[in-house]
Amino acid sequence: MLKLQSLPVERQRNVGRALALTLKRNRPTPLTPRTMEAGRAVAAITERLQDPPNVPAIEVDLSTDQVVTAVHRILRAWTKGLAGELVALQAPQQDALDAARFLMTRWFPYGIRFVREQMSIEWDALQPIVTSFDDPEVVAATTKLSLGSLLDHLKKHATLYGQSVGLGEGKAKEAPAQAEVQDSWQGAMTQFAITVLADYANDSATRVELLSVFEQQLAEHRAELAAARKKRKNASANT
């Protein structure tokens, strides 16, 4: 089963609108009925997509990564700073160390390599962190370490993050159906690609004509992600 990488809403709109124009072109040999039907389905769902967030998805990704990285570094600092090998820890210090170790295990059992992944994969790792904030054990641990303000900042970033990719709890509250619309668009685009590949298996020119916009938007999206990762890496190396 073909699976296409998810695109942020602004790029979904670019693909859908370009495809609608492509389907209207006059051509010597009409497209197959089922290709036309699949393409029109994508175009129809595109019209239901809301305007993308004012902040580009790549900026949301980069900013959220910085906050997540800061939380991780703070917890590591607690665990490293409260070394008790030479000087015994007092009870409050031990409590703080236990809290930091608990949060590190709860939130980052595999580190923070996920911040370098594509946004949909990163959201899979980010969502359980954010949704744990109301857990009594997490509340107790974050209170001991006075992380309330930083976690509130992270939660707001996660909300914007979800709006950008149309996934999970972060989807825009004023339009809860938008995540479903974006999922439907992705499904329709996948079906369109499958249909084109089947109907034009021996016609590379038509395949390129019909699918190149998606491939271009995907390539640009990946390039943006790579540039953001490089920028963040360089910034970390200089701090």
C-alpha atoms as a PDB file:
ATOM      1  CA  MET A   1       0.000   0.000   0.000  1.00  0.00           C
ATOM      2  CA  LEU A   2       1.452   3.329  -1.083  1.00  0.00           C
ATOM      3  CA  LYS A   3       1.872   5.806   1.779  1.00  0.00           C
ATOM      4  CA  LEU A   4       2.677   9.432   1.056  1.00  0.00           C
ATOM      5  CA  GLN A   5       4.444  11.621   3.590  1.00  0.00           C
ATOM      6  CA  SER A   6       2.102  14.128   5.195  1.00  0.00           C
ATOM      7  CA  LEU A   7       2.327  17.766   4.181  1.00  0.00           C
ATOM      8  CA  PRO A   8       1.469  20.845   6.261  1.00  0.00           C
ATOM      9  CA  VAL A   9      -1.805  22.475   5.328  1.00  0.00           C
ATOM     10  CA  GLU A  10      -0.275  25.299   3.283  1.00  0.00           C
ATOM     11  CA  ARG A  11       1.435  22.791   1.013  1.00  0.00           C
ATOM     12  CA  GLN A  12      -1.675  20.640   0.767  1.00  0.00           C
ATOM     13  CA  ARG A  13      -3.470  23.705  -0.550  1.00  0.00           C
ATOM     14  CA  ASN A  14      -0.717  24.378  -3.076  1.00  0.00           C
ATOM     15  CA  VAL A  15      -0.940  20.832  -4.411  1.00  0.00           C
ATOM     16  CA  GLY A  16      -4.718  20.731  -4.527  1.00  0.00           C
ATOM     17  CA  ARG A  17      -5.127  24.027  -6.325  1.00  0.00           C
ATOM     18  CA  ALA A  18      -2.437  23.222  -8.877  1.00  0.00           C
ATOM     19  CA  LEU A  19      -4.029  19.834  -9.494  1.00  0.00           C
ATOM     20  CA  ALA A  20      -7.440  21.416 -10.064  1.00  0.00           C
ATOM     21  CA  LEU A  21      -5.941  23.548 -12.837  1.00  0.00           C
ATOM     22  CA  THR A  22      -4.155  20.554 -14.343  1.00  0.00           C
ATOM     23  CA  LEU A  23      -7.392  18.581 -14.545  1.00  0.00           C
ATOM     24  CA  LYS A  24      -9.034  21.407 -16.531  1.00  0.00           C
ATOM     25  CA  ARG A  25      -6.399  21.435 -19.280  1.00  0.00           C
ATOM     26  CA  ASN A  26      -7.437  20.491 -22.771  1.00  0.00           C
ATOM     27  CA  ARG A  27      -5.507  17.459 -23.963  1.00  0.00           C
ATOM     28  CA  PRO A  28      -5.620  15.283 -27.112  1.00  0.00           C
ATOM     29  CA  THR A  29      -6.391  12.181 -25.088  1.00  0.00           C
ATOM     30  CA  PRO A  30      -8.642  12.741 -22.052  1.00  0.00           C
ATOM     31  CA  LEU A  31      -7.559  11.406 -18.703  1.00  0.00           C
ATOM     32  CA  THR A  32      -9.124   8.126 -17.654  1.00  0.00           C
ATOM     33  CA  PRO A  33     -12.447   8.508 -15.829  1.00  0.00           C
ATOM     34  CA  ARG A  34     -11.136   7.080 -12.595  1.00  0.00           C
ATOM     35  CA  THR A  35      -8.062   9.347 -12.645  1.00  0.00           C
ATOM     36  CA  MET A  36     -10.351  12.332 -13.174  1.00  0.00           C
ATOM     37  CA  GLU A  37     -12.599  11.185 -10.340  1.00  0.00           C
ATOM     38  CA  ALA A  38      -9.679  10.689  -7.945  1.00  0.00           C
ATOM     39  CA  GLY A  39      -8.169  14.053  -8.870  1.00  0.00           C
ATOM     40  CA  ARG A  40     -11.464  15.881  -8.425  1.00  0.00           C
ATOM     41  CA  ALA A  41     -11.788  14.329  -4.983  1.00  0.00           C
ATOM     42  CA  VAL A  42      -8.470  15.914  -3.988  1.00  0.00           C
ATOM     43  CA  ALA A  43      -9.522  19.272  -5.449  1.00  0.00           C
ATOM     44  CA  ALA A  44     -12.863  19.159  -3.620  1.00  0.00           C
ATOM     45  CA  ILE A  45     -11.279  18.461  -0.241  1.00  0.00           C
ATOM     46  CA  THR A  46      -8.727  21.207  -0.884  1.00  0.00           C
ATOM     47  CA  GLU A  47     -11.552  23.738  -0.904  1.00  0.00           C
ATOM     48  CA  ARG A  48     -12.484  22.646   2.627  1.00  0.00           C
ATOM     49  CA  LEU A  49      -9.021  23.324   4.022  1.00  0.00           C
ATOM     50  CA  GLN A  50      -8.814  26.423   6.166  1.00  0.00           C
ATOM     51  CA  ASP A  51      -6.184  29.067   5.672  1.00  0.00           C
ATOM     52  CA  PRO A  52      -2.866  27.879   7.146  1.00  0.00           C
ATOM     53  CA  PRO A  53      -1.623  29.386  10.436  1.00  0.00           C
ATOM     54  CA  ASN A  54      -0.072  32.833  10.154  1.00  0.00           C
ATOM     55  CA  VAL A  55       3.237  31.350  11.280  1.00  0.00           C
ATOM     56  CA  PRO A  56       4.895  29.024   8.740  1.00  0.00           C
ATOM     57  CA  ALA A  57       5.042  25.406   9.879  1.00  0.00           C
ATOM     58  CA  ILE A  58       8.827  25.336   9.673  1.00  0.00           C
ATOM     59  CA  GLU A  59       9.095  28.222  12.163  1.00  0.00           C
ATOM     60  CA  VAL A  60       6.710  26.458  14.534  1.00  0.00           C
ATOM     61  CA  ASP A  61       8.816  23.313  14.242  1.00  0.00           C
ATOM     62  CA  LEU A  62      12.085  25.108  14.961  1.00  0.00           C
ATOM     63  CA  SER A  63      10.715  27.111  17.904  1.00  0.00           C
ATOM     64  CA  THR A  64       9.096  24.056  19.491  1.00  0.00           C
ATOM     65  CA  ASP A  65      12.324  22.106  19.104  1.00  0.00           C
ATOM     66  CA  GLN A  66      14.149  24.838  21.033  1.00  0.00           C
ATOM     67  CA  VAL A  67      11.678  24.659  23.924  1.00  0.00           C
ATOM     68  CA  VAL A  68      11.781  20.846  24.070  1.00  0.00           C
ATOM     69  CA  THR A  69      15.583  20.918  23.992  1.00  0.00           C
ATOM     70  CA  ALA A  70      15.641  23.473  26.814  1.00  0.00           C
ATOM     71  CA  VAL A  71      13.403  21.298  29.006  1.00  0.00           C
ATOM     72  CA  HIS A  72      15.650  18.314  28.371  1.00  0.00           C
ATOM     73  CA  ARG A  73      18.801  20.288  29.185  1.00  0.00           C
ATOM     74  CA  ILE A  74      17.316  21.621  32.414  1.00  0.00           C
ATOM     75  CA  LEU A  75      16.433  18.116  33.587  1.00  0.00           C
ATOM     76  CA  ARG A  76      19.909  16.866  32.660  1.00  0.00           C
ATOM     77  CA  ALA A  77      21.429  19.761  34.598  1.00  0.00           C
ATOM     78  CA  TRP A  78      19.482  18.752  37.709  1.00  0.00           C
ATOM     79  CA  THR A  79      20.581  15.119  37.433  1.00  0.00           C
ATOM     80  CA  LYS A  80      24.209  16.027  36.812  1.00  0.00           C
ATOM     81  CA  GLY A  81      24.395  18.923  39.260  1.00  0.00           C
ATOM     82  CA  LEU A  82      23.008  16.978  42.194  1.00  0.00           C
ATOM     83  CA  ALA A  83      25.836  14.489  42.269  1.00  0.00           C
ATOM     84  CA  GLY A  84      26.031  12.917  45.726  1.00  0.00           C
ATOM     85  CA  GLU A  85      29.228  10.931  45.528  1.00  0.00           C
ATOM     86  CA  LEU A  86      31.391  13.325  47.582  1.00  0.00           C
ATOM     87  CA  VAL A  87      28.814  15.440  49.405  1.00  0.00           C
ATOM     88  CA  ALA A  88      25.683  13.812  50.778  1.00  0.00           C
ATOM     89  CA  LEU A  89      22.425  15.243  49.491  1.00  0.00           C
ATOM     90  CA  GLN A  90      19.950  16.757  51.911  1.00  0.00           C
ATOM     91  CA  ALA A  91      16.329  15.674  51.734  1.00  0.00           C
ATOM     92  CA  PRO A  92      15.121  18.575  49.503  1.00  0.00           C
ATOM     93  CA  GLN A  93      18.025  17.989  47.144  1.00  0.00           C
ATOM     94  CA  GLN A  94      17.285  14.284  46.928  1.00  0.00           C
ATOM     95  CA  ASP A  95      13.632  15.057  46.228  1.00  0.00           C
ATOM     96  CA  ALA A  96      14.656  17.371  43.388  1.00  0.00           C
ATOM     97  CA  LEU A  97      17.003  14.749  41.962  1.00  0.00           C
ATOM     98  CA  ASP A  98      14.278  12.107  42.119  1.00  0.00           C
ATOM     99  CA  ALA A  99      11.850  14.466  40.385  1.00  0.00           C
ATOM    100  CA  ALA A 100      14.310  15.229  37.578  1.00  0.00           C
ATOM    101  CA  ARG A 101      15.098  11.559  37.058  1.00  0.00           C
ATOM    102  CA  PHE A 102      11.400  10.710  36.990  1.00  0.00           C
ATOM    103  CA  LEU A 103      10.652  13.346  34.338  1.00  0.00           C
ATOM    104  CA  MET A 104      13.633  12.324  32.226  1.00  0.00           C
ATOM    105  CA  THR A 105      12.383   8.736  32.254  1.00  0.00           C
ATOM    106  CA  ARG A 106       8.755   9.728  31.650  1.00  0.00           C
ATOM    107  CA  TRP A 107       9.328  12.259  28.878  1.00  0.00           C
ATOM    108  CA  PHE A 108      12.624  11.362  27.240  1.00  0.00           C
ATOM    109  CA  PRO A 109      13.195   7.601  27.615  1.00  0.00           C
ATOM    110  CA  TYR A 110      14.976   7.576  24.254  1.00  0.00           C
ATOM    111  CA  GLY A 111      16.473  11.060  24.355  1.00  0.00           C
ATOM    112  CA  ILE A 112      15.370  13.882  22.077  1.00  0.00           C
ATOM    113  CA  ARG A 113      16.414  12.563  18.680  1.00  0.00           C
ATOM    114  CA  PHE A 114      12.753  12.952  17.683  1.00  0.00           C
ATOM    115  CA  VAL A 115      13.213  16.715  17.286  1.00  0.00           C
ATOM    116  CA  ARG A 116      15.202  15.960  14.136  1.00  0.00           C
ATOM    117  CA  GLU A 117      12.404  13.936  12.566  1.00  0.00           C
ATOM    118  CA  GLN A 118       9.635  15.138  10.248  1.00  0.00           C
ATOM    119  CA  MET A 119       6.816  16.975  12.008  1.00  0.00           C
ATOM    120  CA  SER A 120       4.259  14.172  12.030  1.00  0.00           C
ATOM    121  CA  ILE A 121       6.776  11.804  13.661  1.00  0.00           C
ATOM    122  CA  GLU A 122       7.879  14.443  16.143  1.00  0.00           C
ATOM    123  CA  TRP A 123       4.269  15.012  17.132  1.00  0.00           C
ATOM    124  CA  ASP A 124       3.964  11.324  18.036  1.00  0.00           C
ATOM    125  CA  ALA A 125       6.732  11.854  20.608  1.00  0.00           C
ATOM    126  CA  LEU A 126       5.594  15.314  21.705  1.00  0.00           C
ATOM    127  CA  GLN A 127       1.934  14.517  22.319  1.00  0.00           C
ATOM    128  CA  PRO A 128       2.371  12.103  25.278  1.00  0.00           C
ATOM    129  CA  ILE A 129       4.683  14.621  26.938  1.00  0.00           C
ATOM    130  CA  VAL A 130       2.119  17.405  26.733  1.00  0.00           C
ATOM    131  CA  THR A 131      -0.847  15.229  27.684  1.00  0.00           C
ATOM    132  CA  SER A 132       1.008  14.050  30.811  1.00  0.00           C
ATOM    133  CA  PHE A 133       1.045  17.523  32.357  1.00  0.00           C
ATOM    134  CA  ASP A 134      -2.136  16.802  34.347  1.00  0.00           C
ATOM    135  CA  ASP A 135      -0.827  13.514  35.759  1.00  0.00           C
ATOM    136  CA  PRO A 136      -0.497  13.911  39.573  1.00  0.00           C
ATOM    137  CA  GLU A 137       3.032  12.457  39.589  1.00  0.00           C
ATOM    138  CA  VAL A 138       4.115  14.795  36.830  1.00  0.00           C
ATOM    139  CA  VAL A 139       2.510  17.782  38.557  1.00  0.00           C
ATOM    140  CA  ALA A 140       4.338  16.949  41.777  1.00  0.00           C
ATOM    141  CA  ALA A 141       7.675  16.554  40.023  1.00  0.00           C
ATOM    142  CA  THR A 142       7.376  19.739  37.959  1.00  0.00           C
ATOM    143  CA  THR A 143       6.322  21.683  41.055  1.00  0.00           C
ATOM    144  CA  LYS A 144       9.452  20.533  42.927  1.00  0.00           C
ATOM    145  CA  LEU A 145      11.585  21.813  40.050  1.00  0.00           C
ATOM    146  CA  SER A 146       9.534  25.011  39.471  1.00  0.00           C
ATOM    147  CA  LEU A 147       8.978  24.201  35.800  1.00  0.00           C
ATOM    148  CA  GLY A 148       5.435  25.525  35.588  1.00  0.00           C
ATOM    149  CA  SER A 149       6.144  28.555  33.389  1.00  0.00           C
ATOM    150  CA  LEU A 150       8.351  26.638  30.981  1.00  0.00           C
ATOM    151  CA  LEU A 151       5.860  23.795  30.612  1.00  0.00           C
ATOM    152  CA  ASP A 152       3.036  26.231  29.980  1.00  0.00           C
ATOM    153  CA  HIS A 153       5.207  27.700  27.221  1.00  0.00           C
ATOM    154  CA  LEU A 154       5.784  24.220  25.802  1.00  0.00           C
ATOM    155  CA  LYS A 155       2.061  23.435  25.882  1.00  0.00           C
ATOM    156  CA  LYS A 156       1.278  26.594  23.890  1.00  0.00           C
ATOM    157  CA  HIS A 157       3.927  25.633  21.359  1.00  0.00           C
ATOM    158  CA  ALA A 158       2.409  22.160  21.116  1.00  0.00           C
ATOM    159  CA  THR A 159      -1.002  23.652  20.391  1.00  0.00           C
ATOM    160  CA  LEU A 160       0.452  25.699  17.538  1.00  0.00           C
ATOM    161  CA  TYR A 161       2.443  22.666  16.410  1.00  0.00           C
ATOM    162  CA  GLY A 162      -0.711  20.605  16.172  1.00  0.00           C
ATOM    163  CA  GLN A 163      -2.458  23.338  14.213  1.00  0.00           C
ATOM    164  CA  SER A 164       0.392  23.322  11.718  1.00  0.00           C
ATOM    165  CA  VAL A 165       0.228  19.606  11.012  1.00  0.00           C
ATOM    166  CA  GLY A 166      -3.453  19.051  11.803  1.00  0.00           C
ATOM    167  CA  LEU A 167      -2.818  16.268  14.285  1.00  0.00           C
ATOM    168  CA  GLY A 168      -3.867  15.297  17.801  1.00  0.00           C
ATOM    169  CA  GLU A 169      -4.857  17.565  20.660  1.00  0.00           C
ATOM    170  CA  GLY A 170      -3.060  20.510  19.129  1.00  0.00           C
ATOM    171  CA  LYS A 171      -5.549  21.027  16.313  1.00  0.00           C
ATOM    172  CA  ALA A 172      -7.242  24.399  16.269  1.00  0.00           C
ATOM    173  CA  LYS A 173     -10.028  24.423  18.861  1.00  0.00           C
ATOM    174  CA  GLU A 174     -12.200  26.761  16.800  1.00  0.00           C
ATOM    175  CA  ALA A 175     -12.179  24.261  13.946  1.00  0.00           C
ATOM    176  CA  PRO A 176     -11.819  20.764  15.385  1.00  0.00           C
ATOM    177  CA  ALA A 177     -12.818  19.186  12.074  1.00  0.00           C
ATOM    178  CA  GLN A 178      -9.765  20.552  10.282  1.00  0.00           C
ATOM    179  CA  ALA A 179      -7.550  17.687  11.399  1.00  0.00           C
ATOM    180  CA  GLU A 180     -10.051  15.302   9.856  1.00  0.00           C
ATOM    181  CA  VAL A 181     -10.141  17.350   6.652  1.00  0.00           C
ATOM    182  CA  GLN A 182      -6.347  17.252   6.391  1.00  0.00           C
ATOM    183  CA  ASP A 183      -6.376  13.508   7.014  1.00  0.00           C
ATOM    184  CA  SER A 184      -9.045  13.121   4.320  1.00  0.00           C
ATOM    185  CA  TRP A 185      -6.958  15.175   1.914  1.00  0.00           C
ATOM    186  CA  GLN A 186      -3.948  12.968   2.569  1.00  0.00           C
ATOM    187  CA  GLY A 187      -6.036   9.867   1.936  1.00  0.00           C
ATOM    188  CA  ALA A 188      -7.499  11.286  -1.258  1.00  0.00           C
ATOM    189  CA  MET A 189      -4.064  12.326  -2.518  1.00  0.00           C
ATOM    190  CA  THR A 190      -2.715   8.847  -1.802  1.00  0.00           C
ATOM    191  CA  GLN A 191      -5.596   7.283  -3.731  1.00  0.00           C
ATOM    192  CA  PHE A 192      -5.005   9.693  -6.606  1.00  0.00           C
ATOM    193  CA  ALA A 193      -1.319   8.745  -6.762  1.00  0.00           C
ATOM    194  CA  ILE A 194      -2.189   5.041  -6.728  1.00  0.00           C
ATOM    195  CA  THR A 195      -4.690   5.551  -9.548  1.00  0.00           C
ATOM    196  CA  VAL A 196      -2.265   7.573 -11.672  1.00  0.00           C
ATOM    197  CA  LEU A 197       0.504   5.004 -11.228  1.00  0.00           C
ATOM    198  CA  ALA A 198      -1.887   2.239 -12.293  1.00  0.00           C
ATOM    199  CA  ASP A 199      -3.539   4.054 -15.206  1.00  0.00           C
ATOM    200  CA  TYR A 200      -0.310   5.509 -16.591  1.00  0.00           C
ATOM    201  CA  ALA A 201       2.216   2.808 -15.759  1.00  0.00           C
ATOM    202  CA  ASN A 202       3.668   3.155 -19.261  1.00  0.00           C
ATOM    203  CA  ASP A 203       3.207   6.925 -19.640  1.00  0.00           C
ATOM    204  CA  SER A 204       5.882   8.706 -17.652  1.00  0.00           C
ATOM    205  CA  ALA A 205       5.005  12.125 -19.098  1.00  0.00           C
ATOM    206  CA  THR A 206       1.464  11.985 -17.734  1.00  0.00           C
ATOM    207  CA  ARG A 207       2.641  10.637 -14.403  1.00  0.00           C
ATOM    208  CA  VAL A 208       5.037  13.555 -14.073  1.00  0.00           C
ATOM    209  CA  GLU A 209       2.365  16.044 -15.123  1.00  0.00           C
ATOM    210  CA  LEU A 210      -0.105  14.801 -12.521  1.00  0.00           C
ATOM    211  CA  LEU A 211       2.193  14.055  -9.588  1.00  0.00           C
ATOM    212  CA  SER A 212       5.077  16.496  -9.944  1.00  0.00           C
ATOM    213  CA  VAL A 213       3.429  19.250  -7.895  1.00  0.00           C
ATOM    214  CA  PHE A 214       3.100  16.969  -4.887  1.00  0.00           C
ATOM    215  CA  GLU A 215       6.684  15.808  -5.298  1.00  0.00           C
ATOM    216  CA  GLN A 216       7.887  19.405  -5.587  1.00  0.00           C
ATOM    217  CA  GLN A 217       6.008  20.499  -2.462  1.00  0.00           C
ATOM    218  CA  LEU A 218       7.321  17.487  -0.580  1.00  0.00           C
ATOM    219  CA  ALA A 219      10.897  18.202  -1.673  1.00  0.00           C
ATOM    220  CA  GLU A 220      10.605  21.833  -0.582  1.00  0.00           C
ATOM    221  CA  HIS A 221       9.101  20.788   2.746  1.00  0.00           C
ATOM    222  CA  ARG A 222      11.946  18.343   3.370  1.00  0.00           C
ATOM    223  CA  ALA A 223      14.500  20.995   2.423  1.00  0.00           C
ATOM    224  CA  GLU A 224      12.943  23.415   4.898  1.00  0.00           C
ATOM    225  CA  LEU A 225      13.113  20.808   7.633  1.00  0.00           C
ATOM    226  CA  ALA A 226      16.751  20.044   6.831  1.00  0.00           C
ATOM    227  CA  ALA A 227      17.657  23.744   6.848  1.00  0.00           C
ATOM    228  CA  ALA A 228      15.914  24.221  10.181  1.00  0.00           C
ATOM    229  CA  ARG A 229      17.736  21.252  11.675  1.00  0.00           C
ATOM    230  CA  LYS A 230      21.071  22.640  10.453  1.00  0.00           C
ATOM    231  CA  LYS A 231      20.274  26.081  11.819  1.00  0.00           C
ATOM    232  CA  ARG A 232      19.374  24.642  15.210  1.00  0.00           C
ATOM    233  CA  LYS A 233      22.511  22.474  15.247  1.00  0.00           C
ATOM    234  CA  ASN A 234      24.723  25.463  14.446  1.00  0.00           C
ATOM    235  CA  ALA A 235      22.989  27.541  17.115  1.00  0.00           C
ATOM    236  CA  SER A 236      23.533  24.784  19.686  1.00  0.00           C
ATOM    237  CA  ALA A 237      27.203  24.500  18.760  1.00  0.00           C
ATOM    238  CA  ASN A 238      27.689  28.224  19.362  1.00  0.00           C
ATOM    239  CA  THR A 239      26.103  28.261  22.810  1.00  0.00           C
END
